[in-house]
Amino acid sequence: MKLYLVQHAEAQSKDVNSERPLTSKGTADIQKTAAFADRLGIRVDKIYQSGKLRASQTAEILAAHIASEGLVEENADLKPKADPTVWRNRLDKVTEDIALVGHMPQLDKLASLLLCGDSDAHIIAFQNAGIVCLESSDENGWQAAWIVTPALL
């Protein structure tokens, strides 16, 4: 199973817009990253996003490129301060490739928990509109497979 962790793309500040939609740079960045993932042939069965506007917009752009059926589902357990153990436990039952679009510090804590069992380890340096690919196997547990950020593209 592959798990793609995506930090939402750059969003407007609360001072500009309290809903925090994506900036034009954020939109361009996630389009670039999503198009790259598409060229790699990445497909997911479902994309989950936190419900916040910036995550929803990021997930919809990503889904247009890599979601088999374009399925995007809201999940409150991806909000910034959500408990990462909820998703760790949920992933034990998931067999298909999925993407999670969320926020810091939740994605950082989830990745650290999956990779080394310590949610405070800060293993991955997430960036807006970047994709972190983790793979799970029965023999080795979770491993980081690759990371791509808009700046690399």
N, C-alpha and C. Protein backbone atom coordinates (compact mmCIF):
# COMPACT_ATOMS: atom_id res chain seq x y z
N MET A 1 0.84 -1.18 0.00
CA MET A 1 0.00 0.00 0.00
C MET A 1 0.88 1.24 0.00
N LYS A 2 0.45 2.23 -0.77
CA LYS A 2 1.14 3.52 -0.79
C LYS A 2 0.23 4.57 -0.17
N LEU A 3 0.84 5.41 0.63
CA LEU A 3 0.15 6.52 1.28
C LEU A 3 0.84 7.80 0.85
N TYR A 4 0.06 8.71 0.28
CA TYR A 4 0.60 9.99 -0.16
C TYR A 4 0.12 11.06 0.81
N LEU A 5 1.06 11.69 1.49
CA LEU A 5 0.75 12.75 2.43
C LEU A 5 1.03 14.08 1.75
N VAL A 6 0.04 14.96 1.72
CA VAL A 6 0.15 16.22 1.00
C VAL A 6 -0.23 17.36 1.92
N GLN A 7 0.74 18.26 2.14
CA GLN A 7 0.40 19.48 2.88
C GLN A 7 -0.30 20.41 1.91
N HIS A 8 -1.39 21.01 2.34
CA HIS A 8 -2.15 21.91 1.46
C HIS A 8 -1.21 22.92 0.82
N ALA A 9 -1.61 23.43 -0.34
CA ALA A 9 -0.82 24.45 -1.04
C ALA A 9 -0.92 25.79 -0.29
N GLU A 10 -0.05 26.71 -0.69
CA GLU A 10 -0.01 28.02 -0.03
C GLU A 10 -1.39 28.68 -0.04
N ALA A 11 -1.77 29.20 1.12
CA ALA A 11 -3.09 29.82 1.27
C ALA A 11 -2.94 31.29 1.68
N GLN A 12 -3.98 32.04 1.44
CA GLN A 12 -4.00 33.44 1.86
C GLN A 12 -3.97 33.50 3.39
N SER A 13 -3.45 34.58 3.92
CA SER A 13 -3.41 34.75 5.37
C SER A 13 -4.81 35.05 5.90
N LYS A 14 -5.01 34.83 7.18
CA LYS A 14 -6.31 35.12 7.80
C LYS A 14 -6.65 36.59 7.68
N ASP A 15 -5.63 37.45 7.67
CA ASP A 15 -5.86 38.90 7.55
C ASP A 15 -6.47 39.27 6.21
N VAL A 16 -6.11 38.54 5.17
CA VAL A 16 -6.61 38.81 3.83
C VAL A 16 -7.99 38.18 3.64
N ASN A 17 -8.13 36.92 4.07
CA ASN A 17 -9.38 36.20 3.90
C ASN A 17 -9.46 35.13 4.98
N SER A 18 -10.42 35.24 5.87
CA SER A 18 -10.53 34.31 7.01
C SER A 18 -10.81 32.87 6.58
N GLU A 19 -11.32 32.67 5.37
CA GLU A 19 -11.56 31.32 4.85
C GLU A 19 -10.26 30.66 4.38
N ARG A 20 -9.25 31.45 4.09
CA ARG A 20 -7.91 31.02 3.67
C ARG A 20 -7.91 30.18 2.39
N PRO A 21 -8.47 30.72 1.29
CA PRO A 21 -8.37 30.00 0.01
C PRO A 21 -6.92 30.00 -0.47
N LEU A 22 -6.64 29.19 -1.47
CA LEU A 22 -5.30 29.13 -2.03
C LEU A 22 -4.94 30.45 -2.71
N THR A 23 -3.66 30.80 -2.63
CA THR A 23 -3.15 31.94 -3.39
C THR A 23 -2.96 31.48 -4.84
N SER A 24 -2.70 32.41 -5.73
CA SER A 24 -2.43 32.01 -7.11
C SER A 24 -1.15 31.18 -7.18
N LYS A 25 -0.16 31.49 -6.36
CA LYS A 25 1.05 30.68 -6.29
C LYS A 25 0.73 29.29 -5.78
N GLY A 26 -0.10 29.20 -4.74
CA GLY A 26 -0.50 27.90 -4.20
C GLY A 26 -1.21 27.04 -5.24
N THR A 27 -2.10 27.66 -5.99
CA THR A 27 -2.82 26.94 -7.04
C THR A 27 -1.84 26.45 -8.11
N ALA A 28 -0.94 27.31 -8.54
CA ALA A 28 0.05 26.91 -9.55
C ALA A 28 0.96 25.80 -9.03
N ASP A 29 1.36 25.90 -7.76
CA ASP A 29 2.25 24.89 -7.17
C ASP A 29 1.59 23.52 -7.13
N ILE A 30 0.35 23.44 -6.67
CA ILE A 30 -0.29 22.12 -6.55
C ILE A 30 -0.62 21.59 -7.95
N GLN A 31 -0.92 22.45 -8.90
CA GLN A 31 -1.14 21.98 -10.27
C GLN A 31 0.14 21.37 -10.84
N LYS A 32 1.27 22.01 -10.56
CA LYS A 32 2.57 21.50 -11.03
C LYS A 32 2.89 20.16 -10.38
N THR A 33 2.70 20.06 -9.07
CA THR A 33 2.98 18.82 -8.35
C THR A 33 2.04 17.70 -8.79
N ALA A 34 0.76 18.02 -8.93
CA ALA A 34 -0.23 17.02 -9.34
C ALA A 34 0.03 16.53 -10.76
N ALA A 35 0.42 17.43 -11.65
CA ALA A 35 0.73 17.03 -13.03
C ALA A 35 1.96 16.11 -13.05
N PHE A 36 2.94 16.39 -12.21
CA PHE A 36 4.12 15.52 -12.11
C PHE A 36 3.70 14.13 -11.62
N ALA A 37 2.88 14.08 -10.58
CA ALA A 37 2.40 12.79 -10.06
C ALA A 37 1.64 12.02 -11.14
N ASP A 38 0.86 12.73 -11.92
CA ASP A 38 0.11 12.11 -13.02
C ASP A 38 1.07 11.51 -14.05
N ARG A 39 2.12 12.25 -14.41
CA ARG A 39 3.11 11.75 -15.37
C ARG A 39 3.82 10.50 -14.84
N LEU A 40 3.95 10.39 -13.52
CA LEU A 40 4.55 9.20 -12.92
C LEU A 40 3.59 8.01 -12.93
N GLY A 41 2.33 8.26 -13.26
CA GLY A 41 1.34 7.20 -13.29
C GLY A 41 0.74 6.89 -11.93
N ILE A 42 0.86 7.81 -11.00
CA ILE A 42 0.30 7.61 -9.66
C ILE A 42 -1.21 7.68 -9.73
N ARG A 43 -1.87 6.70 -9.11
CA ARG A 43 -3.33 6.68 -9.01
C ARG A 43 -3.69 6.28 -7.59
N VAL A 44 -4.69 6.94 -7.05
CA VAL A 44 -5.20 6.60 -5.73
C VAL A 44 -6.68 6.30 -5.84
N ASP A 45 -7.14 5.47 -4.92
CA ASP A 45 -8.56 5.14 -4.90
C ASP A 45 -9.39 6.23 -4.25
N LYS A 46 -8.77 6.96 -3.33
CA LYS A 46 -9.51 8.01 -2.63
C LYS A 46 -8.54 9.04 -2.09
N ILE A 47 -9.01 10.28 -2.02
CA ILE A 47 -8.26 11.36 -1.39
C ILE A 47 -9.11 11.87 -0.24
N TYR A 48 -8.51 11.94 0.93
CA TYR A 48 -9.18 12.49 2.11
C TYR A 48 -8.59 13.87 2.38
N GLN A 49 -9.44 14.81 2.77
CA GLN A 49 -8.97 16.16 3.10
C GLN A 49 -9.68 16.64 4.36
N SER A 50 -9.11 17.62 5.02
CA SER A 50 -9.53 18.04 6.36
C SER A 50 -10.87 18.76 6.43
N GLY A 51 -11.33 19.30 5.33
CA GLY A 51 -12.56 20.09 5.36
C GLY A 51 -12.29 21.59 5.36
N LYS A 52 -11.07 21.99 5.64
CA LYS A 52 -10.72 23.40 5.55
C LYS A 52 -10.58 23.75 4.07
N LEU A 53 -10.94 24.97 3.70
CA LEU A 53 -10.98 25.37 2.30
C LEU A 53 -9.66 25.13 1.58
N ARG A 54 -8.55 25.48 2.20
CA ARG A 54 -7.25 25.32 1.53
C ARG A 54 -6.93 23.86 1.25
N ALA A 55 -7.33 22.96 2.15
CA ALA A 55 -7.12 21.53 1.93
C ALA A 55 -8.08 21.00 0.87
N SER A 56 -9.31 21.47 0.91
CA SER A 56 -10.31 21.04 -0.07
C SER A 56 -9.89 21.44 -1.49
N GLN A 57 -9.45 22.69 -1.66
CA GLN A 57 -9.02 23.15 -2.98
C GLN A 57 -7.79 22.35 -3.45
N THR A 58 -6.85 22.10 -2.55
CA THR A 58 -5.66 21.32 -2.89
C THR A 58 -6.07 19.92 -3.33
N ALA A 59 -6.96 19.29 -2.56
CA ALA A 59 -7.40 17.93 -2.86
C ALA A 59 -8.13 17.84 -4.19
N GLU A 60 -8.95 18.81 -4.51
CA GLU A 60 -9.69 18.78 -5.78
C GLU A 60 -8.75 18.88 -6.98
N ILE A 61 -7.74 19.73 -6.88
CA ILE A 61 -6.76 19.84 -7.97
C ILE A 61 -5.99 18.53 -8.09
N LEU A 62 -5.57 17.98 -6.99
CA LEU A 62 -4.84 16.71 -6.98
C LEU A 62 -5.70 15.60 -7.57
N ALA A 63 -6.96 15.55 -7.17
CA ALA A 63 -7.88 14.50 -7.63
C ALA A 63 -8.06 14.52 -9.14
N ALA A 64 -8.07 15.69 -9.74
CA ALA A 64 -8.22 15.79 -11.19
C ALA A 64 -7.09 15.09 -11.93
N HIS A 65 -5.96 14.89 -11.25
CA HIS A 65 -4.80 14.27 -11.88
C HIS A 65 -4.57 12.82 -11.48
N ILE A 66 -4.86 12.46 -10.22
CA ILE A 66 -4.42 11.13 -9.76
C ILE A 66 -5.51 10.25 -9.14
N ALA A 67 -6.69 10.76 -8.93
CA ALA A 67 -7.74 9.94 -8.31
C ALA A 67 -8.44 9.12 -9.37
N SER A 68 -8.49 7.81 -9.16
CA SER A 68 -9.11 6.90 -10.13
C SER A 68 -10.51 7.35 -10.50
N GLU A 69 -11.30 7.66 -9.52
CA GLU A 69 -12.68 8.08 -9.75
C GLU A 69 -12.90 9.54 -9.36
N GLY A 70 -11.83 10.24 -9.03
CA GLY A 70 -11.96 11.63 -8.60
C GLY A 70 -12.59 11.76 -7.23
N LEU A 71 -12.53 10.70 -6.41
CA LEU A 71 -13.20 10.72 -5.12
C LEU A 71 -12.40 11.49 -4.08
N VAL A 72 -13.02 12.54 -3.55
CA VAL A 72 -12.45 13.32 -2.46
C VAL A 72 -13.45 13.30 -1.33
N GLU A 73 -12.97 12.97 -0.13
CA GLU A 73 -13.85 12.86 1.02
C GLU A 73 -13.28 13.69 2.17
N GLU A 74 -14.16 14.41 2.83
CA GLU A 74 -13.77 15.20 4.00
C GLU A 74 -13.58 14.29 5.21
N ASN A 75 -12.55 14.59 5.99
CA ASN A 75 -12.29 13.82 7.21
C ASN A 75 -11.69 14.75 8.26
N ALA A 76 -12.44 15.01 9.32
CA ALA A 76 -12.02 15.94 10.36
C ALA A 76 -10.75 15.49 11.09
N ASP A 77 -10.40 14.22 10.99
CA ASP A 77 -9.19 13.73 11.66
C ASP A 77 -7.91 14.15 10.93
N LEU A 78 -8.05 15.03 9.94
CA LEU A 78 -6.88 15.59 9.25
C LEU A 78 -6.69 17.07 9.59
N LYS A 79 -7.48 17.59 10.51
CA LYS A 79 -7.33 19.00 10.90
C LYS A 79 -5.98 19.19 11.60
N PRO A 80 -5.48 20.41 11.67
CA PRO A 80 -4.13 20.66 12.17
C PRO A 80 -3.80 20.03 13.53
N LYS A 81 -4.72 20.04 14.45
CA LYS A 81 -4.43 19.53 15.79
C LYS A 81 -5.05 18.17 16.07
N ALA A 82 -5.48 17.48 15.02
CA ALA A 82 -6.10 16.16 15.19
C ALA A 82 -5.05 15.14 15.69
N ASP A 83 -5.53 14.16 16.40
CA ASP A 83 -4.69 13.11 16.96
C ASP A 83 -4.22 12.18 15.83
N PRO A 84 -2.90 12.07 15.59
CA PRO A 84 -2.42 11.24 14.50
C PRO A 84 -2.65 9.74 14.71
N THR A 85 -2.89 9.32 15.93
CA THR A 85 -3.12 7.89 16.17
C THR A 85 -4.42 7.42 15.53
N VAL A 86 -5.37 8.32 15.32
CA VAL A 86 -6.63 7.94 14.68
C VAL A 86 -6.34 7.42 13.27
N TRP A 87 -5.54 8.17 12.50
CA TRP A 87 -5.22 7.72 11.14
C TRP A 87 -4.27 6.54 11.16
N ARG A 88 -3.33 6.51 12.09
CA ARG A 88 -2.43 5.34 12.16
C ARG A 88 -3.26 4.08 12.33
N ASN A 89 -4.23 4.10 13.22
CA ASN A 89 -5.08 2.93 13.45
C ASN A 89 -5.96 2.63 12.23
N ARG A 90 -6.45 3.65 11.58
CA ARG A 90 -7.31 3.48 10.41
C ARG A 90 -6.50 2.85 9.26
N LEU A 91 -5.26 3.23 9.14
CA LEU A 91 -4.42 2.72 8.05
C LEU A 91 -4.14 1.23 8.17
N ASP A 92 -4.27 0.68 9.36
CA ASP A 92 -4.10 -0.76 9.55
C ASP A 92 -5.14 -1.56 8.75
N LYS A 93 -6.26 -0.92 8.43
CA LYS A 93 -7.36 -1.60 7.73
C LYS A 93 -7.44 -1.22 6.25
N VAL A 94 -6.58 -0.31 5.80
CA VAL A 94 -6.63 0.17 4.42
C VAL A 94 -5.67 -0.66 3.56
N THR A 95 -6.15 -1.08 2.40
CA THR A 95 -5.30 -1.86 1.50
C THR A 95 -5.03 -1.14 0.18
N GLU A 96 -5.86 -0.17 -0.18
CA GLU A 96 -5.67 0.54 -1.43
C GLU A 96 -4.79 1.77 -1.21
N ASP A 97 -4.24 2.28 -2.30
CA ASP A 97 -3.44 3.50 -2.25
C ASP A 97 -4.36 4.70 -2.04
N ILE A 98 -3.99 5.57 -1.10
CA ILE A 98 -4.80 6.75 -0.79
C ILE A 98 -3.89 7.96 -0.60
N ALA A 99 -4.49 9.14 -0.65
CA ALA A 99 -3.79 10.39 -0.35
C ALA A 99 -4.53 11.09 0.78
N LEU A 100 -3.76 11.70 1.66
CA LEU A 100 -4.30 12.51 2.75
C LEU A 100 -3.81 13.93 2.55
N VAL A 101 -4.73 14.88 2.45
CA VAL A 101 -4.38 16.28 2.28
C VAL A 101 -4.73 16.99 3.58
N GLY A 102 -3.70 17.53 4.22
CA GLY A 102 -3.92 18.14 5.53
C GLY A 102 -2.96 19.26 5.83
N HIS A 103 -2.62 19.35 7.11
CA HIS A 103 -1.94 20.52 7.67
C HIS A 103 -0.83 20.10 8.62
N MET A 104 0.00 21.08 8.94
CA MET A 104 0.94 20.93 10.03
C MET A 104 0.20 21.32 11.31
N PRO A 105 0.46 20.73 12.42
CA PRO A 105 1.47 19.72 12.65
C PRO A 105 0.96 18.28 12.46
N GLN A 106 -0.31 18.11 12.10
CA GLN A 106 -0.88 16.76 12.05
C GLN A 106 -0.15 15.84 11.08
N LEU A 107 0.15 16.29 9.87
CA LEU A 107 0.83 15.42 8.90
C LEU A 107 2.23 15.06 9.38
N ASP A 108 2.93 16.01 9.97
CA ASP A 108 4.26 15.75 10.52
C ASP A 108 4.19 14.69 11.61
N LYS A 109 3.22 14.83 12.49
CA LYS A 109 3.07 13.87 13.59
C LYS A 109 2.69 12.48 13.07
N LEU A 110 1.80 12.43 12.08
CA LEU A 110 1.39 11.14 11.51
C LEU A 110 2.57 10.45 10.84
N ALA A 111 3.31 11.17 10.01
CA ALA A 111 4.47 10.58 9.34
C ALA A 111 5.49 10.06 10.35
N SER A 112 5.77 10.85 11.36
CA SER A 112 6.73 10.44 12.39
C SER A 112 6.25 9.21 13.14
N LEU A 113 4.97 9.17 13.44
CA LEU A 113 4.38 8.03 14.15
C LEU A 113 4.48 6.76 13.30
N LEU A 114 4.18 6.88 12.01
CA LEU A 114 4.24 5.71 11.14
C LEU A 114 5.68 5.22 10.92
N LEU A 115 6.60 6.16 10.77
CA LEU A 115 7.97 5.80 10.42
C LEU A 115 8.82 5.35 11.60
N CYS A 116 8.59 5.94 12.77
CA CYS A 116 9.46 5.56 13.89
C CYS A 116 8.73 5.39 15.22
N GLY A 117 7.41 5.49 15.20
CA GLY A 117 6.64 5.24 16.41
C GLY A 117 6.60 6.40 17.39
N ASP A 118 7.15 7.55 17.01
CA ASP A 118 7.20 8.73 17.89
C ASP A 118 6.64 9.92 17.13
N SER A 119 5.46 10.37 17.51
CA SER A 119 4.80 11.47 16.78
C SER A 119 5.54 12.79 16.91
N ASP A 120 6.46 12.90 17.84
CA ASP A 120 7.21 14.14 18.03
C ASP A 120 8.62 14.10 17.43
N ALA A 121 8.90 13.12 16.58
CA ALA A 121 10.25 12.94 16.04
C ALA A 121 10.60 13.92 14.92
N HIS A 122 9.61 14.48 14.24
CA HIS A 122 9.83 15.42 13.13
C HIS A 122 10.76 14.83 12.08
N ILE A 123 10.35 13.75 11.48
CA ILE A 123 11.14 13.01 10.50
C ILE A 123 11.14 13.66 9.12
N ILE A 124 10.01 14.20 8.70
CA ILE A 124 9.84 14.73 7.35
C ILE A 124 9.72 16.26 7.39
N ALA A 125 10.40 16.94 6.47
CA ALA A 125 10.28 18.39 6.33
C ALA A 125 9.22 18.67 5.26
N PHE A 126 7.97 18.73 5.68
CA PHE A 126 6.87 18.97 4.74
C PHE A 126 6.95 20.39 4.17
N GLN A 127 6.44 20.54 2.94
CA GLN A 127 6.33 21.84 2.30
C GLN A 127 4.97 21.95 1.64
N ASN A 128 4.46 23.16 1.56
CA ASN A 128 3.17 23.38 0.90
C ASN A 128 3.20 22.80 -0.51
N ALA A 129 2.14 22.07 -0.85
CA ALA A 129 1.93 21.46 -2.17
C ALA A 129 2.94 20.37 -2.49
N GLY A 130 3.65 19.89 -1.49
CA GLY A 130 4.57 18.77 -1.69
C GLY A 130 3.86 17.45 -1.43
N ILE A 131 4.43 16.38 -1.98
CA ILE A 131 3.89 15.04 -1.76
C ILE A 131 4.97 14.18 -1.11
N VAL A 132 4.60 13.52 -0.03
CA VAL A 132 5.46 12.55 0.63
C VAL A 132 4.83 11.18 0.39
N CYS A 133 5.58 10.27 -0.20
CA CYS A 133 5.07 8.92 -0.45
C CYS A 133 5.64 7.97 0.58
N LEU A 134 4.75 7.33 1.34
CA LEU A 134 5.14 6.29 2.28
C LEU A 134 4.60 4.97 1.77
N GLU A 135 5.37 3.89 1.99
CA GLU A 135 4.93 2.56 1.60
C GLU A 135 4.89 1.67 2.81
N SER A 136 3.89 0.80 2.83
CA SER A 136 3.73 -0.15 3.92
C SER A 136 3.88 -1.57 3.38
N SER A 137 4.63 -2.37 4.13
CA SER A 137 4.72 -3.79 3.80
C SER A 137 4.67 -4.58 5.09
N ASP A 138 4.22 -5.81 4.99
CA ASP A 138 4.13 -6.66 6.18
C ASP A 138 5.49 -6.89 6.81
N GLU A 139 6.52 -6.99 5.98
CA GLU A 139 7.86 -7.31 6.49
C GLU A 139 8.53 -6.11 7.14
N ASN A 140 8.36 -4.92 6.56
CA ASN A 140 9.14 -3.76 6.98
C ASN A 140 8.34 -2.63 7.62
N GLY A 141 7.04 -2.76 7.72
CA GLY A 141 6.24 -1.65 8.25
C GLY A 141 6.26 -0.49 7.27
N TRP A 142 6.23 0.73 7.78
CA TRP A 142 6.19 1.93 6.94
C TRP A 142 7.59 2.41 6.63
N GLN A 143 7.79 2.82 5.38
CA GLN A 143 9.05 3.39 4.93
C GLN A 143 8.78 4.59 4.03
N ALA A 144 9.65 5.59 4.10
CA ALA A 144 9.56 6.73 3.18
C ALA A 144 10.09 6.29 1.82
N ALA A 145 9.30 6.44 0.78
CA ALA A 145 9.71 6.04 -0.57
C ALA A 145 10.30 7.23 -1.34
N TRP A 146 9.63 8.38 -1.29
CA TRP A 146 10.12 9.56 -1.96
C TRP A 146 9.35 10.80 -1.52
N ILE A 147 9.93 11.96 -1.82
CA ILE A 147 9.30 13.26 -1.53
C ILE A 147 9.52 14.15 -2.74
N VAL A 148 8.49 14.89 -3.13
CA VAL A 148 8.64 15.88 -4.21
C VAL A 148 7.98 17.17 -3.74
N THR A 149 8.61 18.28 -4.07
CA THR A 149 8.07 19.58 -3.73
C THR A 149 8.01 20.43 -5.00
N PRO A 150 7.17 21.45 -5.04
CA PRO A 150 7.09 22.29 -6.23
C PRO A 150 8.45 22.89 -6.61
N ALA A 151 9.27 23.23 -5.64
CA ALA A 151 10.57 23.84 -5.93
C ALA A 151 11.49 22.90 -6.70
N LEU A 152 11.30 21.58 -6.54
CA LEU A 152 12.11 20.61 -7.28
C LEU A 152 11.67 20.48 -8.73
N LEU A 153 10.45 20.91 -9.00
CA LEU A 153 9.90 20.74 -10.35
C LEU A 153 10.12 21.99 -11.17
